[in-house]
Amino acid sequence: MIEINLAQIPNQSFSLQLNNVFYQITLRYVINLMTCTIKRDDKVVIENVRCEPNQQIIPYNYLEDGNFAFITIDNEYPIYTRFNVDQFLVYASAEELEVSRGTA
């Protein structure tokens, strides 16, 4: 599992390559919640979806080359002021996801 370093700012965009897949991620603060847009190899996977605590962000199994999740304490919703303090964005590879589901 890889922890993605986030800035403690309300709106941010960044790109990264993981397991030969190019991701562009945009996080936005909108009326007391964070939203997320993810493009994978320049194709929109999700757009302006509310960030949920401790849940996979990309919801469709057929889209998984890996997946992202916000890890938070006590199922609190992600908020930029707590990024990298007690809320973290992580990436799990397809293999790690299989192991966590017990299907490997």
C-alpha atoms as a PDB file:
ATOM      1  CA  MET A   1       0.000   0.000   0.000  1.00  0.00           C
ATOM      2  CA  ILE A   2       1.285   3.442  -0.906  1.00  0.00           C
ATOM      3  CA  GLU A   3       0.459   6.602   1.028  1.00  0.00           C
ATOM      4  CA  ILE A   4      -0.105   9.611  -1.245  1.00  0.00           C
ATOM      5  CA  ASN A   5       1.196  12.884   0.180  1.00  0.00           C
ATOM      6  CA  LEU A   6      -1.506  15.578   0.162  1.00  0.00           C
ATOM      7  CA  ALA A   7      -1.296  19.307   0.813  1.00  0.00           C
ATOM      8  CA  GLN A   8      -3.445  20.823   3.542  1.00  0.00           C
ATOM      9  CA  ILE A   9      -5.188  23.113   1.069  1.00  0.00           C
ATOM     10  CA  PRO A  10      -8.860  23.034   0.033  1.00  0.00           C
ATOM     11  CA  ASN A  11      -8.358  22.495  -3.715  1.00  0.00           C
ATOM     12  CA  GLN A  12      -5.541  20.545  -5.297  1.00  0.00           C
ATOM     13  CA  SER A  13      -4.684  18.538  -8.389  1.00  0.00           C
ATOM     14  CA  PHE A  14      -1.792  16.190  -8.955  1.00  0.00           C
ATOM     15  CA  SER A  15      -0.645  13.398 -11.247  1.00  0.00           C
ATOM     16  CA  LEU A  16       1.147  10.162 -10.482  1.00  0.00           C
ATOM     17  CA  GLN A  17       2.027   6.916 -12.161  1.00  0.00           C
ATOM     18  CA  LEU A  18       1.318   3.692 -10.295  1.00  0.00           C
ATOM     19  CA  ASN A  19       1.755   0.186 -11.736  1.00  0.00           C
ATOM     20  CA  ASN A  20       2.134   1.605 -15.268  1.00  0.00           C
ATOM     21  CA  VAL A  21      -1.134   3.551 -15.005  1.00  0.00           C
ATOM     22  CA  PHE A  22      -1.160   7.357 -15.162  1.00  0.00           C
ATOM     23  CA  TYR A  23      -3.611   8.956 -12.700  1.00  0.00           C
ATOM     24  CA  GLN A  24      -4.725  12.569 -12.463  1.00  0.00           C
ATOM     25  CA  ILE A  25      -6.508  13.339  -9.186  1.00  0.00           C
ATOM     26  CA  THR A  26      -8.366  16.519  -8.290  1.00  0.00           C
ATOM     27  CA  LEU A  27      -9.628  17.163  -4.759  1.00  0.00           C
ATOM     28  CA  ARG A  28     -12.024  20.030  -4.081  1.00  0.00           C
ATOM     29  CA  TYR A  29     -13.556  21.455  -0.922  1.00  0.00           C
ATOM     30  CA  VAL A  30     -17.278  22.109  -1.469  1.00  0.00           C
ATOM     31  CA  ILE A  31     -19.519  23.232   1.409  1.00  0.00           C
ATOM     32  CA  ASN A  32     -17.919  21.229   4.250  1.00  0.00           C
ATOM     33  CA  LEU A  33     -17.025  18.161   2.196  1.00  0.00           C
ATOM     34  CA  MET A  34     -14.322  16.994  -0.151  1.00  0.00           C
ATOM     35  CA  THR A  35     -14.991  15.798  -3.688  1.00  0.00           C
ATOM     36  CA  CYS A  36     -12.705  13.783  -5.917  1.00  0.00           C
ATOM     37  CA  THR A  37     -12.208  13.459  -9.660  1.00  0.00           C
ATOM     38  CA  ILE A  38      -9.953  10.710 -10.976  1.00  0.00           C
ATOM     39  CA  LYS A  39      -8.738  10.299 -14.539  1.00  0.00           C
ATOM     40  CA  ARG A  40      -6.907   7.141 -15.494  1.00  0.00           C
ATOM     41  CA  ASP A  41      -4.774   7.353 -18.615  1.00  0.00           C
ATOM     42  CA  ASP A  42      -6.679  10.564 -19.544  1.00  0.00           C
ATOM     43  CA  LYS A  43     -10.125   8.931 -19.209  1.00  0.00           C
ATOM     44  CA  VAL A  44     -12.505  10.097 -16.475  1.00  0.00           C
ATOM     45  CA  VAL A  45     -13.157   7.300 -13.990  1.00  0.00           C
ATOM     46  CA  ILE A  46     -15.110   9.362 -11.432  1.00  0.00           C
ATOM     47  CA  GLU A  47     -16.019  13.028 -11.432  1.00  0.00           C
ATOM     48  CA  ASN A  48     -16.795  15.211  -8.411  1.00  0.00           C
ATOM     49  CA  VAL A  49     -17.715  12.267  -6.187  1.00  0.00           C
ATOM     50  CA  ARG A  50     -17.983  12.884  -2.442  1.00  0.00           C
ATOM     51  CA  CYS A  51     -14.974  11.500  -0.583  1.00  0.00           C
ATOM     52  CA  GLU A  52     -16.080   8.806   1.842  1.00  0.00           C
ATOM     53  CA  PRO A  53     -14.089   7.534   4.817  1.00  0.00           C
ATOM     54  CA  ASN A  54     -12.415   4.121   4.621  1.00  0.00           C
ATOM     55  CA  GLN A  55     -14.060   3.189   1.308  1.00  0.00           C
ATOM     56  CA  GLN A  56     -12.590   2.455  -2.093  1.00  0.00           C
ATOM     57  CA  ILE A  57     -12.902   5.534  -4.271  1.00  0.00           C
ATOM     58  CA  ILE A  58     -13.160   3.755  -7.639  1.00  0.00           C
ATOM     59  CA  PRO A  59     -16.347   1.711  -7.144  1.00  0.00           C
ATOM     60  CA  TYR A  60     -16.321  -0.612 -10.153  1.00  0.00           C
ATOM     61  CA  ASN A  61     -14.334  -3.837  -9.989  1.00  0.00           C
ATOM     62  CA  TYR A  62     -13.724  -3.844 -13.741  1.00  0.00           C
ATOM     63  CA  LEU A  63     -11.913  -0.502 -13.435  1.00  0.00           C
ATOM     64  CA  GLU A  64      -9.416  -1.790 -10.919  1.00  0.00           C
ATOM     65  CA  ASP A  65      -5.773  -1.685 -11.789  1.00  0.00           C
ATOM     66  CA  GLY A  66      -5.627  -0.672  -8.172  1.00  0.00           C
ATOM     67  CA  ASN A  67      -7.722   1.653  -6.072  1.00  0.00           C
ATOM     68  CA  PHE A  68      -7.548   4.598  -3.698  1.00  0.00           C
ATOM     69  CA  ALA A  69      -9.131   5.172  -0.284  1.00  0.00           C
ATOM     70  CA  PHE A  70      -9.127   7.836   2.395  1.00  0.00           C
ATOM     71  CA  ILE A  71      -8.142   6.257   5.706  1.00  0.00           C
ATOM     72  CA  THR A  72      -9.620   8.198   8.622  1.00  0.00           C
ATOM     73  CA  ILE A  73     -10.168   7.753  12.341  1.00  0.00           C
ATOM     74  CA  ASP A  74     -13.683   6.973  13.627  1.00  0.00           C
ATOM     75  CA  ASN A  75     -15.099   7.044  10.065  1.00  0.00           C
ATOM     76  CA  GLU A  76     -14.823  10.817   9.922  1.00  0.00           C
ATOM     77  CA  TYR A  77     -15.253  12.271   6.460  1.00  0.00           C
ATOM     78  CA  PRO A  78     -12.036  13.478   4.839  1.00  0.00           C
ATOM     79  CA  ILE A  79     -11.314  17.202   5.209  1.00  0.00           C
ATOM     80  CA  TYR A  80      -8.227  18.980   3.881  1.00  0.00           C
ATOM     81  CA  THR A  81      -7.220  20.450   7.261  1.00  0.00           C
ATOM     82  CA  ARG A  82      -6.505  16.905   8.541  1.00  0.00           C
ATOM     83  CA  PHE A  83      -4.692  15.510   5.500  1.00  0.00           C
ATOM     84  CA  ASN A  84      -1.461  13.768   6.529  1.00  0.00           C
ATOM     85  CA  VAL A  85      -2.279  14.319  10.220  1.00  0.00           C
ATOM     86  CA  ASP A  86      -4.877  11.634  10.926  1.00  0.00           C
ATOM     87  CA  GLN A  87      -6.422  11.313   7.451  1.00  0.00           C
ATOM     88  CA  PHE A  88      -4.489   9.731   4.599  1.00  0.00           C
ATOM     89  CA  LEU A  89      -5.024   8.951   0.937  1.00  0.00           C
ATOM     90  CA  VAL A  90      -3.674   5.495   0.117  1.00  0.00           C
ATOM     91  CA  TYR A  91      -3.350   3.407  -3.017  1.00  0.00           C
ATOM     92  CA  ALA A  92      -3.607  -0.377  -3.065  1.00  0.00           C
ATOM     93  CA  SER A  93      -2.518  -2.399  -6.098  1.00  0.00           C
ATOM     94  CA  ALA A  94      -4.820  -4.940  -7.728  1.00  0.00           C
ATOM     95  CA  GLU A  95      -2.826  -7.706  -6.028  1.00  0.00           C
ATOM     96  CA  GLU A  96      -3.223  -6.089  -2.599  1.00  0.00           C
ATOM     97  CA  LEU A  97      -6.960  -5.727  -3.196  1.00  0.00           C
ATOM     98  CA  GLU A  98      -7.238  -9.402  -4.111  1.00  0.00           C
ATOM     99  CA  VAL A  99      -5.432 -10.412  -0.929  1.00  0.00           C
ATOM    100  CA  SER A 100      -7.688  -8.176   1.191  1.00  0.00           C
ATOM    101  CA  ARG A 101     -10.756  -9.835  -0.366  1.00  0.00           C
ATOM    102  CA  GLY A 102      -9.303 -13.287   0.158  1.00  0.00           C
ATOM    103  CA  THR A 103      -9.421 -14.139  -3.547  1.00  0.00           C
ATOM    104  CA  ALA A 104      -5.688 -14.481  -4.201  1.00  0.00           C
END
